[in-house]
């Protein structure tokens, strides 16, 4: 069974170029490989149900 990549290299390079990155840089291959390792972990967050959760107010400053 073939492993399905979450993003093709062509799509990655197009997004990188549109974002102003130098797609001719030798670091693009390293960045693409890193992205492929991170995306599956981010996909899990799509399944989290937060409909009934209140936002965390951890950034509210104290009025004292």
C-alpha atoms as a PDB file:
ATOM      1  CA  UNK A   1       0.000   0.000   0.000  1.00  0.00           C
ATOM      2  CA  UNK A   2       1.460   3.340  -1.047  1.00  0.00           C
ATOM      3  CA  UNK A   3       1.905   6.139   1.463  1.00  0.00           C
ATOM      4  CA  UNK A   4      -0.174   9.179   0.544  1.00  0.00           C
ATOM      5  CA  UNK A   5       1.652  12.452   1.111  1.00  0.00           C
ATOM      6  CA  UNK A   6      -0.472  15.260   2.540  1.00  0.00           C
ATOM      7  CA  UNK A   7       1.016  17.794   0.107  1.00  0.00           C
ATOM      8  CA  UNK A   8       2.721  17.378  -3.246  1.00  0.00           C
ATOM      9  CA  UNK A   9       6.115  18.947  -3.755  1.00  0.00           C
ATOM     10  CA  UNK A  10       4.734  21.101  -6.564  1.00  0.00           C
ATOM     11  CA  UNK A  11       2.051  22.498  -4.232  1.00  0.00           C
ATOM     12  CA  UNK A  12       4.653  23.112  -1.531  1.00  0.00           C
ATOM     13  CA  UNK A  13       6.946  24.980  -3.937  1.00  0.00           C
ATOM     14  CA  UNK A  14       4.037  27.069  -5.246  1.00  0.00           C
ATOM     15  CA  UNK A  15       3.011  28.087  -1.709  1.00  0.00           C
ATOM     16  CA  UNK A  16       6.635  28.791  -0.774  1.00  0.00           C
ATOM     17  CA  UNK A  17       7.173  30.962  -3.849  1.00  0.00           C
ATOM     18  CA  UNK A  18       3.898  32.818  -3.302  1.00  0.00           C
ATOM     19  CA  UNK A  19       4.980  33.442   0.298  1.00  0.00           C
ATOM     20  CA  UNK A  20       8.184  35.057  -0.906  1.00  0.00           C
ATOM     21  CA  UNK A  21      10.607  32.207  -0.205  1.00  0.00           C
ATOM     22  CA  UNK A  22      13.486  31.457  -2.534  1.00  0.00           C
ATOM     23  CA  UNK A  23      12.428  28.124  -4.047  1.00  0.00           C
ATOM     24  CA  UNK A  24      15.861  27.668  -5.641  1.00  0.00           C
ATOM     25  CA  UNK A  25      17.465  27.419  -2.199  1.00  0.00           C
ATOM     26  CA  UNK A  26      18.938  24.012  -1.350  1.00  0.00           C
ATOM     27  CA  UNK A  27      17.079  24.220   1.976  1.00  0.00           C
ATOM     28  CA  UNK A  28      13.699  23.780   0.268  1.00  0.00           C
ATOM     29  CA  UNK A  29      14.161  19.995   0.159  1.00  0.00           C
ATOM     30  CA  UNK A  30      14.897  19.915   3.893  1.00  0.00           C
ATOM     31  CA  UNK A  31      11.905  22.159   4.624  1.00  0.00           C
ATOM     32  CA  UNK A  32       9.611  19.991   2.490  1.00  0.00           C
ATOM     33  CA  UNK A  33      10.782  16.818   4.255  1.00  0.00           C
ATOM     34  CA  UNK A  34      10.164  18.457   7.637  1.00  0.00           C
ATOM     35  CA  UNK A  35       6.701  19.591   6.543  1.00  0.00           C
ATOM     36  CA  UNK A  36       5.785  16.051   5.519  1.00  0.00           C
ATOM     37  CA  UNK A  37       6.739  14.817   8.984  1.00  0.00           C
ATOM     38  CA  UNK A  38       4.695  17.521  10.759  1.00  0.00           C
ATOM     39  CA  UNK A  39       1.463  17.553   8.718  1.00  0.00           C
ATOM     40  CA  UNK A  40       0.135  14.146   9.861  1.00  0.00           C
ATOM     41  CA  UNK A  41       0.338  15.310  13.474  1.00  0.00           C
ATOM     42  CA  UNK A  42      -1.597  18.461  12.647  1.00  0.00           C
ATOM     43  CA  UNK A  43      -4.312  16.449  10.901  1.00  0.00           C
ATOM     44  CA  UNK A  44      -5.321  14.999  14.280  1.00  0.00           C
ATOM     45  CA  UNK A  45      -6.450  18.468  15.392  1.00  0.00           C
ATOM     46  CA  UNK A  46      -9.169  18.440  12.722  1.00  0.00           C
ATOM     47  CA  UNK A  47     -10.988  15.716  14.655  1.00  0.00           C
ATOM     48  CA  UNK A  48     -11.082  17.600  17.969  1.00  0.00           C
ATOM     49  CA  UNK A  49     -14.613  18.721  18.831  1.00  0.00           C
ATOM     50  CA  UNK A  50     -14.493  22.151  20.497  1.00  0.00           C
ATOM     51  CA  UNK A  51     -18.104  23.192  19.884  1.00  0.00           C
ATOM     52  CA  UNK A  52     -19.141  23.230  23.554  1.00  0.00           C
ATOM     53  CA  UNK A  53     -15.857  24.571  24.969  1.00  0.00           C
ATOM     54  CA  UNK A  54     -15.380  28.089  26.239  1.00  0.00           C
ATOM     55  CA  UNK A  55     -12.183  29.850  25.187  1.00  0.00           C
ATOM     56  CA  UNK A  56      -9.384  29.837  27.757  1.00  0.00           C
ATOM     57  CA  UNK A  57      -8.976  33.264  29.289  1.00  0.00           C
ATOM     58  CA  UNK A  58      -5.323  32.787  30.217  1.00  0.00           C
ATOM     59  CA  UNK A  59      -4.226  36.024  28.560  1.00  0.00           C
ATOM     60  CA  UNK A  60      -6.548  38.303  30.555  1.00  0.00           C
ATOM     61  CA  UNK A  61      -4.620  40.683  32.769  1.00  0.00           C
ATOM     62  CA  UNK A  62      -5.590  40.980  36.396  1.00  0.00           C
ATOM     63  CA  UNK A  63      -7.453  44.190  37.303  1.00  0.00           C
ATOM     64  CA  UNK A  64      -5.774  44.405  40.706  1.00  0.00           C
END
